[in-house]
Amino acid sequence: MNRAIIMMYFTFTSLTTVGFGDFHPRSDFERIMIAVVLLFGVAIFSLVMDNFINILKSAKKLVQSFNDEDALSRFFGLLS
């Protein structure tokens, strides 16, 4: 059981790219808690990045609407 918990801890630490550092958990309870905190951190980061990407997409859509109006004005200017 102890080796499985240690492997789980090192796997989650590696996957979240936190690194092992100078401070590390010493008991199985600490390893499990840190693994849960690491996964929670990844979930929160994913939510924040999703919101940020949605903001960028809406800003890009807004800019594209201005570009379409400019192209339409140029087209009508060319026709006249």
N, C-alpha and C. Protein backbone atom coordinates (compact mmCIF):
# COMPACT_ATOMS: atom_id res chain seq x y z
N MET A 1 0.83 -1.20 0.00
CA MET A 1 0.00 0.00 0.00
C MET A 1 0.86 1.25 0.00
N ASN A 2 1.91 1.23 0.80
CA ASN A 2 2.76 2.41 0.93
C ASN A 2 3.43 2.75 -0.40
N ARG A 3 3.91 1.73 -1.14
CA ARG A 3 4.56 2.00 -2.43
C ARG A 3 3.58 2.56 -3.44
N ALA A 4 2.34 2.08 -3.41
CA ALA A 4 1.32 2.58 -4.35
C ALA A 4 1.04 4.06 -4.08
N ILE A 5 0.96 4.45 -2.84
CA ILE A 5 0.70 5.85 -2.50
C ILE A 5 1.88 6.72 -2.90
N ILE A 6 3.09 6.22 -2.68
CA ILE A 6 4.28 6.98 -3.07
C ILE A 6 4.32 7.15 -4.59
N MET A 7 4.02 6.08 -5.33
CA MET A 7 4.01 6.17 -6.78
C MET A 7 2.92 7.13 -7.27
N MET A 8 1.75 7.09 -6.63
CA MET A 8 0.67 8.01 -7.00
C MET A 8 1.11 9.46 -6.76
N TYR A 9 1.75 9.70 -5.61
CA TYR A 9 2.22 11.05 -5.30
C TYR A 9 3.23 11.53 -6.35
N PHE A 10 4.23 10.72 -6.66
CA PHE A 10 5.24 11.12 -7.63
C PHE A 10 4.65 11.27 -9.03
N THR A 11 3.67 10.45 -9.37
CA THR A 11 3.02 10.56 -10.68
C THR A 11 2.27 11.89 -10.79
N PHE A 12 1.47 12.23 -9.78
CA PHE A 12 0.73 13.49 -9.82
C PHE A 12 1.66 14.69 -9.78
N THR A 13 2.74 14.58 -9.02
CA THR A 13 3.69 15.68 -8.94
C THR A 13 4.36 15.90 -10.30
N SER A 14 4.69 14.82 -10.97
CA SER A 14 5.31 14.93 -12.30
C SER A 14 4.32 15.45 -13.33
N LEU A 15 3.10 14.93 -13.31
CA LEU A 15 2.11 15.34 -14.31
C LEU A 15 1.71 16.80 -14.18
N THR A 16 1.69 17.32 -12.97
CA THR A 16 1.31 18.72 -12.79
C THR A 16 2.50 19.66 -12.92
N THR A 17 3.66 19.12 -13.21
CA THR A 17 4.91 19.86 -13.41
C THR A 17 5.22 20.79 -12.25
N VAL A 18 4.87 20.39 -11.05
CA VAL A 18 5.19 21.17 -9.86
C VAL A 18 6.64 20.96 -9.48
N GLY A 19 7.13 19.77 -9.67
CA GLY A 19 8.50 19.43 -9.29
C GLY A 19 8.53 18.90 -7.87
N PHE A 20 9.63 18.31 -7.49
CA PHE A 20 9.72 17.65 -6.20
C PHE A 20 10.22 18.59 -5.11
N GLY A 21 11.13 19.48 -5.41
CA GLY A 21 11.55 20.51 -4.48
C GLY A 21 12.22 20.00 -3.22
N ASP A 22 12.48 20.92 -2.31
CA ASP A 22 13.14 20.58 -1.06
C ASP A 22 12.16 20.09 -0.01
N PHE A 23 10.93 20.53 -0.08
CA PHE A 23 9.93 20.13 0.89
C PHE A 23 9.07 19.03 0.29
N HIS A 24 8.85 18.00 1.03
CA HIS A 24 8.06 16.89 0.52
C HIS A 24 7.28 16.25 1.67
N PRO A 25 6.17 15.61 1.34
CA PRO A 25 5.37 14.95 2.39
C PRO A 25 6.10 13.73 2.91
N ARG A 26 5.91 13.47 4.20
CA ARG A 26 6.62 12.35 4.83
C ARG A 26 5.70 11.18 5.15
N SER A 27 4.43 11.40 5.29
CA SER A 27 3.52 10.30 5.62
C SER A 27 2.59 10.03 4.45
N ASP A 28 1.92 8.88 4.50
CA ASP A 28 0.98 8.54 3.43
C ASP A 28 -0.19 9.52 3.37
N PHE A 29 -0.66 9.97 4.52
CA PHE A 29 -1.76 10.93 4.55
C PHE A 29 -1.36 12.23 3.84
N GLU A 30 -0.14 12.70 4.12
CA GLU A 30 0.34 13.92 3.46
C GLU A 30 0.47 13.72 1.96
N ARG A 31 0.95 12.57 1.52
CA ARG A 31 1.08 12.30 0.09
C ARG A 31 -0.28 12.30 -0.60
N ILE A 32 -1.27 11.67 0.03
CA ILE A 32 -2.61 11.64 -0.55
C ILE A 32 -3.20 13.05 -0.61
N MET A 33 -3.04 13.82 0.45
CA MET A 33 -3.59 15.18 0.48
C MET A 33 -2.91 16.06 -0.59
N ILE A 34 -1.61 15.93 -0.72
CA ILE A 34 -0.89 16.73 -1.72
C ILE A 34 -1.33 16.33 -3.12
N ALA A 35 -1.53 15.03 -3.36
CA ALA A 35 -2.00 14.58 -4.68
C ALA A 35 -3.37 15.17 -4.99
N VAL A 36 -4.25 15.21 -4.00
CA VAL A 36 -5.58 15.79 -4.20
C VAL A 36 -5.47 17.30 -4.47
N VAL A 37 -4.62 17.97 -3.72
CA VAL A 37 -4.43 19.42 -3.91
C VAL A 37 -3.85 19.70 -5.30
N LEU A 38 -2.91 18.87 -5.75
CA LEU A 38 -2.34 19.06 -7.09
C LEU A 38 -3.40 18.90 -8.17
N LEU A 39 -4.24 17.89 -8.04
CA LEU A 39 -5.31 17.69 -9.03
C LEU A 39 -6.33 18.82 -8.97
N PHE A 40 -6.63 19.30 -7.78
CA PHE A 40 -7.54 20.44 -7.63
C PHE A 40 -6.95 21.67 -8.30
N GLY A 41 -5.65 21.87 -8.14
CA GLY A 41 -4.98 23.00 -8.76
C GLY A 41 -5.03 22.94 -10.28
N VAL A 42 -4.87 21.75 -10.83
CA VAL A 42 -4.96 21.59 -12.28
C VAL A 42 -6.38 21.91 -12.76
N ALA A 43 -7.38 21.46 -12.00
CA ALA A 43 -8.78 21.73 -12.38
C ALA A 43 -9.08 23.23 -12.35
N ILE A 44 -8.63 23.92 -11.31
CA ILE A 44 -8.86 25.37 -11.21
C ILE A 44 -8.13 26.09 -12.34
N PHE A 45 -6.90 25.70 -12.62
CA PHE A 45 -6.15 26.32 -13.71
C PHE A 45 -6.86 26.12 -15.04
N SER A 46 -7.41 24.93 -15.25
CA SER A 46 -8.14 24.65 -16.49
C SER A 46 -9.38 25.54 -16.62
N LEU A 47 -10.10 25.74 -15.53
CA LEU A 47 -11.27 26.62 -15.56
C LEU A 47 -10.88 28.06 -15.86
N VAL A 48 -9.82 28.54 -15.25
CA VAL A 48 -9.37 29.91 -15.49
C VAL A 48 -8.93 30.07 -16.95
N MET A 49 -8.19 29.10 -17.48
CA MET A 49 -7.75 29.19 -18.87
C MET A 49 -8.93 29.11 -19.83
N ASP A 50 -9.96 28.32 -19.51
CA ASP A 50 -11.16 28.25 -20.35
C ASP A 50 -11.85 29.61 -20.40
N ASN A 51 -11.98 30.26 -19.26
CA ASN A 51 -12.59 31.60 -19.24
C ASN A 51 -11.75 32.60 -20.02
N PHE A 52 -10.44 32.52 -19.89
CA PHE A 52 -9.55 33.43 -20.60
C PHE A 52 -9.66 33.22 -22.11
N ILE A 53 -9.71 31.96 -22.54
CA ILE A 53 -9.84 31.67 -23.97
C ILE A 53 -11.17 32.16 -24.51
N ASN A 54 -12.24 32.01 -23.73
CA ASN A 54 -13.55 32.52 -24.16
C ASN A 54 -13.54 34.04 -24.30
N ILE A 55 -12.84 34.73 -23.40
CA ILE A 55 -12.72 36.18 -23.50
C ILE A 55 -11.97 36.56 -24.78
N LEU A 56 -10.89 35.84 -25.08
CA LEU A 56 -10.13 36.13 -26.30
C LEU A 56 -10.96 35.86 -27.55
N LYS A 57 -11.75 34.78 -27.53
CA LYS A 57 -12.60 34.48 -28.69
C LYS A 57 -13.66 35.57 -28.90
N SER A 58 -14.26 36.05 -27.81
CA SER A 58 -15.27 37.10 -27.97
C SER A 58 -14.63 38.40 -28.44
N ALA A 59 -13.43 38.70 -27.99
CA ALA A 59 -12.73 39.90 -28.46
C ALA A 59 -12.38 39.77 -29.94
N LYS A 60 -11.97 38.57 -30.35
CA LYS A 60 -11.64 38.35 -31.76
C LYS A 60 -12.89 38.49 -32.63
N LYS A 61 -14.02 37.98 -32.12
CA LYS A 61 -15.27 38.09 -32.86
C LYS A 61 -15.67 39.55 -33.00
N LEU A 62 -15.46 40.35 -31.97
CA LEU A 62 -15.78 41.77 -32.01
C LEU A 62 -14.91 42.49 -33.04
N VAL A 63 -13.63 42.16 -33.05
CA VAL A 63 -12.71 42.79 -34.00
C VAL A 63 -13.07 42.37 -35.42
N GLN A 64 -13.45 41.12 -35.63
CA GLN A 64 -13.82 40.67 -36.96
C GLN A 64 -15.05 41.41 -37.48
N SER A 65 -15.98 41.75 -36.61
CA SER A 65 -17.16 42.49 -37.06
C SER A 65 -16.77 43.87 -37.56
N PHE A 66 -15.79 44.51 -36.92
CA PHE A 66 -15.31 45.80 -37.41
C PHE A 66 -14.60 45.64 -38.75
N ASN A 67 -13.84 44.58 -38.91
CA ASN A 67 -13.13 44.36 -40.17
C ASN A 67 -14.12 44.10 -41.31
N ASP A 68 -15.21 43.41 -41.05
CA ASP A 68 -16.21 43.15 -42.09
C ASP A 68 -16.86 44.45 -42.54
N GLU A 69 -17.13 45.36 -41.61
CA GLU A 69 -17.73 46.65 -41.98
C GLU A 69 -16.76 47.46 -42.83
N ASP A 70 -15.49 47.43 -42.50
CA ASP A 70 -14.50 48.15 -43.30
C ASP A 70 -14.42 47.58 -44.72
N ALA A 71 -14.47 46.26 -44.83
CA ALA A 71 -14.41 45.64 -46.15
C ALA A 71 -15.65 46.00 -46.97
N LEU A 72 -16.81 46.04 -46.31
CA LEU A 72 -18.04 46.41 -47.01
C LEU A 72 -17.98 47.87 -47.47
N SER A 73 -17.46 48.74 -46.64
CA SER A 73 -17.31 50.15 -47.04
C SER A 73 -16.38 50.30 -48.22
N ARG A 74 -15.29 49.57 -48.22
CA ARG A 74 -14.35 49.62 -49.35
C ARG A 74 -15.02 49.11 -50.63
N PHE A 75 -15.82 48.03 -50.49
CA PHE A 75 -16.50 47.48 -51.64
C PHE A 75 -17.46 48.49 -52.26
N PHE A 76 -18.27 49.17 -51.39
CA PHE A 76 -19.21 50.16 -51.91
C PHE A 76 -18.45 51.37 -52.46
N GLY A 77 -17.34 51.72 -51.87
CA GLY A 77 -16.52 52.79 -52.39
C GLY A 77 -15.96 52.46 -53.75
N LEU A 78 -15.59 51.23 -53.94
CA LEU A 78 -15.08 50.76 -55.22
C LEU A 78 -16.17 50.77 -56.28
N LEU A 79 -17.42 50.42 -55.90
CA LEU A 79 -18.53 50.41 -56.84
C LEU A 79 -18.89 51.82 -57.30
N SER A 80 -18.80 52.77 -56.41
CA SER A 80 -19.18 54.13 -56.79
C SER A 80 -18.02 54.79 -57.53
